Amino acid sequence: MSSSSSAQARFESLGLVLPPAPKPIGAYTPFLRVGGHAYVSGHLPTLPDGTLIKGRVGGDLDLDAGKAAARQVGLTILATLLANLGSLDRVGRVVKVLGMVSCPADFEKHPHVINGCSELFAEIWGADRGVGVRSAFGVASLPNGVPVEIEAIFELV
């Protein structure tokens, strides 16, 4: 893959299967464009059939399963971006990723788990534009018993 290939072309070359773009189930919107930025609300690890990955990292799920769940959240975010922008080429760069990991109090590998999403974005937009600032932390529980929830901010072009 050349560094000059577009994000949309990189995405298509990877043969990734996206889940359906989530619809809001409360008083929020999954995607909001404000000026030159796109804000994506907290997304869950939705599978292509619309079901969710469930469990707690460090309990029901091991570290690699947690990282895979975070990658699946990244795919769900890509589905939302495509549904609202039409092309991943409309994203100039990843600005910020905030990842929450459902885990026991003594779990300490939150960044490793959220790398599942961050590494996916780096595959799509490249290391320079696909990696932004990031926070990763643990929580006692997440909606619907999922292991990971991630929100993100993107600069648009």
N, C-alpha and C. Protein backbone atom coordinates (compact mmCIF):
# COMPACT_ATOMS: atom_id res chain seq x y z
N MET A 1 0.84 -1.18 0.00
CA MET A 1 0.00 0.00 0.00
C MET A 1 0.89 1.24 0.00
N SER A 2 0.72 2.12 -0.91
CA SER A 2 1.54 3.31 -0.95
C SER A 2 1.01 4.34 0.03
N SER A 3 1.92 5.20 0.48
CA SER A 3 1.52 6.23 1.44
C SER A 3 0.58 7.24 0.80
N SER A 4 0.56 7.27 -0.55
CA SER A 4 -0.30 8.24 -1.22
C SER A 4 -1.70 7.69 -1.48
N SER A 5 -1.94 6.40 -1.20
CA SER A 5 -3.28 5.87 -1.44
C SER A 5 -4.27 6.50 -0.47
N SER A 6 -5.49 6.62 -0.90
CA SER A 6 -6.49 7.28 -0.08
C SER A 6 -6.95 6.39 1.06
N ALA A 7 -7.50 7.00 2.08
CA ALA A 7 -8.04 6.26 3.22
C ALA A 7 -9.14 5.31 2.76
N GLN A 8 -9.99 5.76 1.86
CA GLN A 8 -11.08 4.92 1.36
C GLN A 8 -10.51 3.71 0.61
N ALA A 9 -9.47 3.93 -0.19
CA ALA A 9 -8.84 2.83 -0.93
C ALA A 9 -8.17 1.85 0.03
N ARG A 10 -7.51 2.36 1.07
CA ARG A 10 -6.89 1.48 2.06
C ARG A 10 -7.95 0.64 2.75
N PHE A 11 -9.05 1.29 3.16
CA PHE A 11 -10.15 0.58 3.80
C PHE A 11 -10.66 -0.55 2.89
N GLU A 12 -10.92 -0.22 1.64
CA GLU A 12 -11.45 -1.21 0.70
C GLU A 12 -10.46 -2.35 0.46
N SER A 13 -9.17 -2.05 0.43
CA SER A 13 -8.16 -3.08 0.19
C SER A 13 -8.05 -4.06 1.35
N LEU A 14 -8.44 -3.64 2.54
CA LEU A 14 -8.35 -4.51 3.72
C LEU A 14 -9.49 -5.53 3.78
N GLY A 15 -10.54 -5.33 2.99
CA GLY A 15 -11.66 -6.28 2.96
C GLY A 15 -12.39 -6.39 4.28
N LEU A 16 -12.46 -5.32 5.03
CA LEU A 16 -13.12 -5.33 6.34
C LEU A 16 -14.63 -5.40 6.18
N VAL A 17 -15.27 -6.10 7.10
CA VAL A 17 -16.73 -6.20 7.11
C VAL A 17 -17.23 -5.30 8.24
N LEU A 18 -18.04 -4.33 7.88
CA LEU A 18 -18.56 -3.38 8.86
C LEU A 18 -19.90 -3.84 9.42
N PRO A 19 -20.14 -3.49 10.67
CA PRO A 19 -21.47 -3.69 11.24
C PRO A 19 -22.39 -2.59 10.73
N PRO A 20 -23.68 -2.69 11.01
CA PRO A 20 -24.56 -1.57 10.65
C PRO A 20 -24.19 -0.34 11.50
N ALA A 21 -24.33 0.83 10.92
CA ALA A 21 -24.11 2.06 11.69
C ALA A 21 -25.18 2.13 12.78
N PRO A 22 -24.77 2.36 14.03
CA PRO A 22 -25.76 2.35 15.12
C PRO A 22 -26.73 3.52 15.04
N LYS A 23 -27.93 3.26 15.49
CA LYS A 23 -28.96 4.30 15.60
C LYS A 23 -29.07 4.67 17.07
N PRO A 24 -29.35 5.93 17.38
CA PRO A 24 -29.43 6.33 18.79
C PRO A 24 -30.59 5.63 19.50
N ILE A 25 -30.33 5.25 20.75
CA ILE A 25 -31.37 4.63 21.58
C ILE A 25 -31.66 5.50 22.80
N GLY A 26 -31.30 6.77 22.70
CA GLY A 26 -31.52 7.73 23.77
C GLY A 26 -31.48 9.13 23.21
N ALA A 27 -31.31 10.09 24.08
CA ALA A 27 -31.30 11.49 23.68
C ALA A 27 -29.90 11.94 23.29
N TYR A 28 -29.41 11.44 22.17
CA TYR A 28 -28.11 11.81 21.64
C TYR A 28 -28.08 11.47 20.15
N THR A 29 -27.02 11.91 19.48
CA THR A 29 -26.80 11.55 18.09
C THR A 29 -25.45 10.84 17.99
N PRO A 30 -25.34 9.78 17.19
CA PRO A 30 -24.06 9.09 17.08
C PRO A 30 -22.98 9.91 16.36
N PHE A 31 -23.40 10.89 15.55
CA PHE A 31 -22.47 11.66 14.73
C PHE A 31 -22.93 13.11 14.70
N LEU A 32 -21.98 14.02 14.90
CA LEU A 32 -22.30 15.44 14.84
C LEU A 32 -21.15 16.18 14.17
N ARG A 33 -21.48 16.90 13.12
CA ARG A 33 -20.47 17.73 12.45
C ARG A 33 -20.61 19.15 12.99
N VAL A 34 -19.48 19.68 13.47
CA VAL A 34 -19.43 21.06 13.96
C VAL A 34 -18.22 21.70 13.30
N GLY A 35 -18.48 22.65 12.41
CA GLY A 35 -17.39 23.27 11.68
C GLY A 35 -16.60 22.23 10.91
N GLY A 36 -15.31 22.19 11.12
CA GLY A 36 -14.44 21.26 10.41
C GLY A 36 -14.16 19.98 11.16
N HIS A 37 -15.01 19.66 12.13
CA HIS A 37 -14.79 18.45 12.93
C HIS A 37 -16.03 17.56 12.96
N ALA A 38 -15.78 16.26 13.08
CA ALA A 38 -16.85 15.29 13.29
C ALA A 38 -16.66 14.69 14.67
N TYR A 39 -17.71 14.71 15.46
CA TYR A 39 -17.72 14.13 16.79
C TYR A 39 -18.55 12.85 16.72
N VAL A 40 -17.93 11.76 17.16
CA VAL A 40 -18.62 10.48 17.16
C VAL A 40 -18.83 10.07 18.60
N SER A 41 -20.10 9.90 19.00
CA SER A 41 -20.39 9.55 20.39
C SER A 41 -19.90 8.15 20.71
N GLY A 42 -19.99 7.80 21.97
CA GLY A 42 -19.53 6.49 22.42
C GLY A 42 -20.16 5.38 21.61
N HIS A 43 -19.33 4.56 20.99
CA HIS A 43 -19.77 3.42 20.18
C HIS A 43 -19.41 2.13 20.91
N LEU A 44 -20.18 1.10 20.65
CA LEU A 44 -20.01 -0.20 21.28
C LEU A 44 -19.49 -1.20 20.26
N PRO A 45 -18.99 -2.37 20.70
CA PRO A 45 -18.47 -3.38 19.77
C PRO A 45 -19.60 -4.16 19.10
N THR A 46 -20.13 -3.59 18.03
CA THR A 46 -21.24 -4.19 17.29
C THR A 46 -20.70 -5.09 16.19
N LEU A 47 -21.22 -6.29 16.12
CA LEU A 47 -20.81 -7.25 15.10
C LEU A 47 -21.64 -7.05 13.83
N PRO A 48 -21.20 -7.60 12.69
CA PRO A 48 -21.93 -7.41 11.43
C PRO A 48 -23.40 -7.82 11.49
N ASP A 49 -23.76 -8.77 12.36
CA ASP A 49 -25.17 -9.17 12.48
C ASP A 49 -25.96 -8.28 13.43
N GLY A 50 -25.33 -7.22 13.95
CA GLY A 50 -26.01 -6.28 14.83
C GLY A 50 -25.93 -6.63 16.31
N THR A 51 -25.41 -7.81 16.65
CA THR A 51 -25.27 -8.18 18.06
C THR A 51 -24.02 -7.52 18.64
N LEU A 52 -23.90 -7.56 19.95
CA LEU A 52 -22.78 -6.93 20.65
C LEU A 52 -21.85 -7.97 21.25
N ILE A 53 -20.55 -7.64 21.28
CA ILE A 53 -19.60 -8.42 22.06
C ILE A 53 -19.85 -8.03 23.52
N LYS A 54 -19.93 -9.01 24.40
CA LYS A 54 -20.21 -8.74 25.81
C LYS A 54 -19.13 -9.34 26.70
N GLY A 55 -19.04 -8.84 27.93
CA GLY A 55 -18.10 -9.35 28.91
C GLY A 55 -17.26 -8.25 29.51
N ARG A 56 -16.40 -8.63 30.46
CA ARG A 56 -15.48 -7.70 31.11
C ARG A 56 -14.06 -8.15 30.81
N VAL A 57 -13.21 -7.21 30.44
CA VAL A 57 -11.81 -7.52 30.18
C VAL A 57 -11.12 -7.79 31.52
N GLY A 58 -10.35 -8.87 31.57
CA GLY A 58 -9.72 -9.26 32.82
C GLY A 58 -10.63 -10.13 33.67
N GLY A 59 -11.78 -10.47 33.13
CA GLY A 59 -12.74 -11.36 33.78
C GLY A 59 -13.19 -12.39 32.76
N ASP A 60 -14.30 -12.09 32.09
CA ASP A 60 -14.83 -12.98 31.04
C ASP A 60 -13.94 -13.02 29.81
N LEU A 61 -13.25 -11.92 29.53
CA LEU A 61 -12.44 -11.78 28.32
C LEU A 61 -10.97 -11.56 28.70
N ASP A 62 -10.07 -12.20 27.96
CA ASP A 62 -8.65 -11.94 28.19
C ASP A 62 -8.24 -10.67 27.45
N LEU A 63 -6.97 -10.31 27.61
CA LEU A 63 -6.45 -9.07 27.05
C LEU A 63 -6.64 -9.00 25.53
N ASP A 64 -6.33 -10.09 24.83
CA ASP A 64 -6.46 -10.09 23.37
C ASP A 64 -7.91 -9.99 22.91
N ALA A 65 -8.81 -10.62 23.65
CA ALA A 65 -10.24 -10.52 23.31
C ALA A 65 -10.72 -9.09 23.55
N GLY A 66 -10.21 -8.43 24.57
CA GLY A 66 -10.55 -7.03 24.81
C GLY A 66 -10.04 -6.14 23.69
N LYS A 67 -8.82 -6.39 23.24
CA LYS A 67 -8.25 -5.62 22.13
C LYS A 67 -9.06 -5.84 20.85
N ALA A 68 -9.49 -7.09 20.62
CA ALA A 68 -10.32 -7.39 19.45
C ALA A 68 -11.67 -6.68 19.55
N ALA A 69 -12.22 -6.58 20.75
CA ALA A 69 -13.48 -5.85 20.95
C ALA A 69 -13.29 -4.36 20.63
N ALA A 70 -12.15 -3.80 21.03
CA ALA A 70 -11.87 -2.39 20.72
C ALA A 70 -11.72 -2.19 19.21
N ARG A 71 -11.12 -3.14 18.52
CA ARG A 71 -11.04 -3.06 17.05
C ARG A 71 -12.44 -3.08 16.46
N GLN A 72 -13.32 -3.92 17.03
CA GLN A 72 -14.69 -3.99 16.53
C GLN A 72 -15.41 -2.66 16.76
N VAL A 73 -15.13 -1.99 17.88
CA VAL A 73 -15.70 -0.65 18.09
C VAL A 73 -15.19 0.28 16.99
N GLY A 74 -13.90 0.19 16.66
CA GLY A 74 -13.36 1.01 15.58
C GLY A 74 -14.09 0.77 14.27
N LEU A 75 -14.41 -0.47 13.97
CA LEU A 75 -15.18 -0.78 12.76
C LEU A 75 -16.58 -0.17 12.83
N THR A 76 -17.17 -0.16 14.01
CA THR A 76 -18.49 0.44 14.18
C THR A 76 -18.41 1.95 13.95
N ILE A 77 -17.34 2.57 14.44
CA ILE A 77 -17.13 4.01 14.20
C ILE A 77 -16.95 4.26 12.70
N LEU A 78 -16.19 3.41 12.01
CA LEU A 78 -16.04 3.57 10.56
C LEU A 78 -17.38 3.48 9.85
N ALA A 79 -18.25 2.59 10.31
CA ALA A 79 -19.59 2.47 9.71
C ALA A 79 -20.36 3.78 9.87
N THR A 80 -20.25 4.41 11.04
CA THR A 80 -20.92 5.69 11.27
C THR A 80 -20.34 6.78 10.39
N LEU A 81 -19.01 6.82 10.28
CA LEU A 81 -18.38 7.83 9.42
C LEU A 81 -18.83 7.66 7.96
N LEU A 82 -18.82 6.44 7.48
CA LEU A 82 -19.24 6.21 6.09
C LEU A 82 -20.71 6.55 5.87
N ALA A 83 -21.55 6.22 6.84
CA ALA A 83 -22.98 6.52 6.71
C ALA A 83 -23.24 8.03 6.66
N ASN A 84 -22.38 8.80 7.32
CA ASN A 84 -22.61 10.24 7.41
C ASN A 84 -21.76 11.07 6.46
N LEU A 85 -20.61 10.54 6.05
CA LEU A 85 -19.71 11.30 5.18
C LEU A 85 -19.64 10.74 3.76
N GLY A 86 -19.99 9.48 3.59
CA GLY A 86 -19.94 8.86 2.27
C GLY A 86 -18.59 8.30 1.88
N SER A 87 -17.51 8.83 2.46
CA SER A 87 -16.16 8.37 2.14
C SER A 87 -15.23 8.67 3.31
N LEU A 88 -14.32 7.76 3.58
CA LEU A 88 -13.33 8.00 4.63
C LEU A 88 -12.30 9.04 4.20
N ASP A 89 -12.27 9.38 2.93
CA ASP A 89 -11.37 10.43 2.44
C ASP A 89 -11.80 11.81 2.93
N ARG A 90 -12.98 11.92 3.47
CA ARG A 90 -13.44 13.21 4.02
C ARG A 90 -12.85 13.48 5.39
N VAL A 91 -12.20 12.47 5.97
CA VAL A 91 -11.52 12.63 7.27
C VAL A 91 -10.07 13.02 7.00
N GLY A 92 -9.67 14.17 7.54
CA GLY A 92 -8.28 14.61 7.39
C GLY A 92 -7.35 13.93 8.37
N ARG A 93 -7.84 13.74 9.60
CA ARG A 93 -7.03 13.09 10.62
C ARG A 93 -7.89 12.73 11.82
N VAL A 94 -7.39 11.78 12.58
CA VAL A 94 -7.97 11.45 13.88
C VAL A 94 -7.42 12.48 14.86
N VAL A 95 -8.30 13.15 15.60
CA VAL A 95 -7.87 14.15 16.58
C VAL A 95 -7.76 13.52 17.96
N LYS A 96 -8.83 12.85 18.41
CA LYS A 96 -8.84 12.29 19.76
C LYS A 96 -9.69 11.03 19.81
N VAL A 97 -9.20 10.08 20.59
CA VAL A 97 -9.94 8.86 20.89
C VAL A 97 -10.03 8.75 22.40
N LEU A 98 -11.22 8.47 22.90
CA LEU A 98 -11.41 8.24 24.33
C LEU A 98 -12.00 6.85 24.49
N GLY A 99 -11.27 5.97 25.17
CA GLY A 99 -11.70 4.59 25.31
C GLY A 99 -11.95 4.21 26.76
N MET A 100 -13.08 3.55 26.99
CA MET A 100 -13.45 3.05 28.32
C MET A 100 -13.48 1.54 28.28
N VAL A 101 -12.85 0.91 29.27
CA VAL A 101 -12.75 -0.54 29.33
C VAL A 101 -13.46 -1.03 30.59
N SER A 102 -14.44 -1.90 30.43
CA SER A 102 -15.11 -2.52 31.58
C SER A 102 -14.18 -3.60 32.11
N CYS A 103 -13.74 -3.45 33.37
CA CYS A 103 -12.71 -4.34 33.91
C CYS A 103 -12.71 -4.29 35.44
N PRO A 104 -12.03 -5.25 36.07
CA PRO A 104 -11.89 -5.22 37.52
C PRO A 104 -11.01 -4.04 37.96
N ALA A 105 -11.11 -3.66 39.22
CA ALA A 105 -10.38 -2.51 39.75
C ALA A 105 -8.87 -2.65 39.63
N ASP A 106 -8.34 -3.87 39.63
CA ASP A 106 -6.89 -4.05 39.58
C ASP A 106 -6.35 -4.20 38.15
N PHE A 107 -7.20 -4.06 37.14
CA PHE A 107 -6.77 -4.15 35.74
C PHE A 107 -5.96 -2.91 35.38
N GLU A 108 -4.83 -3.09 34.67
CA GLU A 108 -3.95 -1.96 34.37
C GLU A 108 -3.56 -1.82 32.91
N LYS A 109 -4.15 -2.61 32.03
CA LYS A 109 -3.72 -2.63 30.63
C LYS A 109 -4.70 -1.93 29.69
N HIS A 110 -5.36 -0.89 30.17
CA HIS A 110 -6.35 -0.16 29.35
C HIS A 110 -5.77 0.31 28.02
N PRO A 111 -4.57 0.91 28.00
CA PRO A 111 -4.03 1.36 26.71
C PRO A 111 -3.87 0.22 25.71
N HIS A 112 -3.44 -0.95 26.17
CA HIS A 112 -3.28 -2.10 25.27
C HIS A 112 -4.62 -2.47 24.62
N VAL A 113 -5.68 -2.46 25.41
CA VAL A 113 -7.01 -2.79 24.88
C VAL A 113 -7.42 -1.78 23.82
N ILE A 114 -7.32 -0.50 24.13
CA ILE A 114 -7.77 0.55 23.20
C ILE A 114 -6.90 0.62 21.96
N ASN A 115 -5.68 0.06 22.02
CA ASN A 115 -4.85 -0.03 20.81
C ASN A 115 -5.57 -0.76 19.68
N GLY A 116 -6.50 -1.64 20.01
CA GLY A 116 -7.26 -2.34 18.97
C GLY A 116 -7.93 -1.36 18.02
N CYS A 117 -8.49 -0.30 18.56
CA CYS A 117 -9.12 0.74 17.74
C CYS A 117 -8.07 1.65 17.12
N SER A 118 -7.11 2.10 17.92
CA SER A 118 -6.09 3.03 17.42
C SER A 118 -5.28 2.43 16.29
N GLU A 119 -4.93 1.15 16.40
CA GLU A 119 -4.16 0.51 15.33
C GLU A 119 -4.99 0.38 14.05
N LEU A 120 -6.29 0.14 14.18
CA LEU A 120 -7.17 0.10 13.00
C LEU A 120 -7.17 1.46 12.31
N PHE A 121 -7.34 2.53 13.07
CA PHE A 121 -7.35 3.87 12.48
C PHE A 121 -6.01 4.18 11.80
N ALA A 122 -4.89 3.73 12.40
CA ALA A 122 -3.59 3.93 11.77
C ALA A 122 -3.49 3.16 10.45
N GLU A 123 -4.12 1.98 10.37
CA GLU A 123 -4.14 1.22 9.11
C GLU A 123 -4.89 2.00 8.03
N ILE A 124 -5.95 2.68 8.42
CA ILE A 124 -6.81 3.38 7.46
C ILE A 124 -6.19 4.71 7.02
N TRP A 125 -5.80 5.55 7.99
CA TRP A 125 -5.32 6.90 7.68
C TRP A 125 -3.81 7.05 7.74
N GLY A 126 -3.09 6.00 8.07
CA GLY A 126 -1.63 6.07 8.20
C GLY A 126 -1.23 6.54 9.59
N ALA A 127 0.02 6.31 9.94
CA ALA A 127 0.50 6.62 11.29
C ALA A 127 0.43 8.12 11.60
N ASP A 128 0.68 8.96 10.60
CA ASP A 128 0.70 10.41 10.85
C ASP A 128 -0.70 10.97 11.08
N ARG A 129 -1.68 10.52 10.31
CA ARG A 129 -3.02 11.09 10.41
C ARG A 129 -4.00 10.20 11.16
N GLY A 130 -3.65 8.94 11.35
CA GLY A 130 -4.56 8.00 12.00
C GLY A 130 -4.40 7.87 13.50
N VAL A 131 -3.36 8.48 14.03
CA VAL A 131 -3.11 8.42 15.47
C VAL A 131 -3.20 9.83 16.03
N GLY A 132 -4.15 10.04 16.93
CA GLY A 132 -4.31 11.34 17.57
C GLY A 132 -4.01 11.23 19.05
N VAL A 133 -4.45 12.20 19.81
CA VAL A 133 -4.31 12.12 21.26
C VAL A 133 -5.33 11.11 21.76
N ARG A 134 -5.11 10.56 22.97
CA ARG A 134 -5.97 9.49 23.42
C ARG A 134 -6.00 9.39 24.94
N SER A 135 -7.14 8.96 25.44
CA SER A 135 -7.29 8.59 26.83
C SER A 135 -7.88 7.20 26.88
N ALA A 136 -7.43 6.40 27.85
CA ALA A 136 -7.95 5.05 28.03
C ALA A 136 -8.05 4.80 29.53
N PHE A 137 -9.22 4.37 29.98
CA PHE A 137 -9.38 4.13 31.41
C PHE A 137 -10.41 3.04 31.67
N GLY A 138 -10.38 2.53 32.89
CA GLY A 138 -11.28 1.46 33.27
C GLY A 138 -12.52 1.97 33.97
N VAL A 139 -13.61 1.23 33.81
CA VAL A 139 -14.88 1.55 34.45
C VAL A 139 -15.48 0.26 35.00
N ALA A 140 -16.38 0.43 35.96
CA ALA A 140 -17.01 -0.73 36.60
C ALA A 140 -17.99 -1.44 35.67
N SER A 141 -18.66 -0.69 34.81
CA SER A 141 -19.61 -1.31 33.87
C SER A 141 -19.83 -0.37 32.69
N LEU A 142 -20.33 -0.97 31.60
CA LEU A 142 -20.67 -0.22 30.39
C LEU A 142 -22.04 -0.67 29.91
N PRO A 143 -22.69 0.11 29.04
CA PRO A 143 -24.03 -0.23 28.57
C PRO A 143 -24.11 -1.64 27.97
N ASN A 144 -25.19 -2.32 28.25
CA ASN A 144 -25.47 -3.64 27.68
C ASN A 144 -24.41 -4.69 27.98
N GLY A 145 -23.58 -4.46 29.00
CA GLY A 145 -22.58 -5.44 29.39
C GLY A 145 -21.41 -5.58 28.42
N VAL A 146 -21.14 -4.55 27.61
CA VAL A 146 -20.03 -4.63 26.65
C VAL A 146 -18.70 -4.38 27.36
N PRO A 147 -17.59 -4.85 26.75
CA PRO A 147 -16.29 -4.66 27.38
C PRO A 147 -15.62 -3.32 27.07
N VAL A 148 -16.03 -2.66 25.98
CA VAL A 148 -15.35 -1.45 25.53
C VAL A 148 -16.37 -0.48 24.93
N GLU A 149 -16.18 0.81 25.24
CA GLU A 149 -16.92 1.88 24.57
C GLU A 149 -15.91 2.94 24.19
N ILE A 150 -16.02 3.45 22.96
CA ILE A 150 -15.05 4.42 22.45
C ILE A 150 -15.78 5.56 21.75
N GLU A 151 -15.32 6.79 22.03
CA GLU A 151 -15.79 7.96 21.28
C GLU A 151 -14.58 8.59 20.61
N ALA A 152 -14.82 9.40 19.57
CA ALA A 152 -13.69 9.96 18.83
C ALA A 152 -14.06 11.30 18.20
N ILE A 153 -13.02 12.07 17.93
CA ILE A 153 -13.15 13.35 17.22
C ILE A 153 -12.23 13.29 16.00
N PHE A 154 -12.76 13.71 14.85
CA PHE A 154 -12.02 13.68 13.59
C PHE A 154 -12.01 15.07 12.98
N GLU A 155 -10.89 15.46 12.38
CA GLU A 155 -10.83 16.67 11.59
C GLU A 155 -11.28 16.32 10.18
N LEU A 156 -12.15 17.14 9.60
CA LEU A 156 -12.66 16.90 8.26
C LEU A 156 -11.94 17.75 7.24
N VAL A 157 -11.92 17.25 6.01
CA VAL A 157 -11.31 18.02 4.91
C VAL A 157 -12.35 18.30 3.85
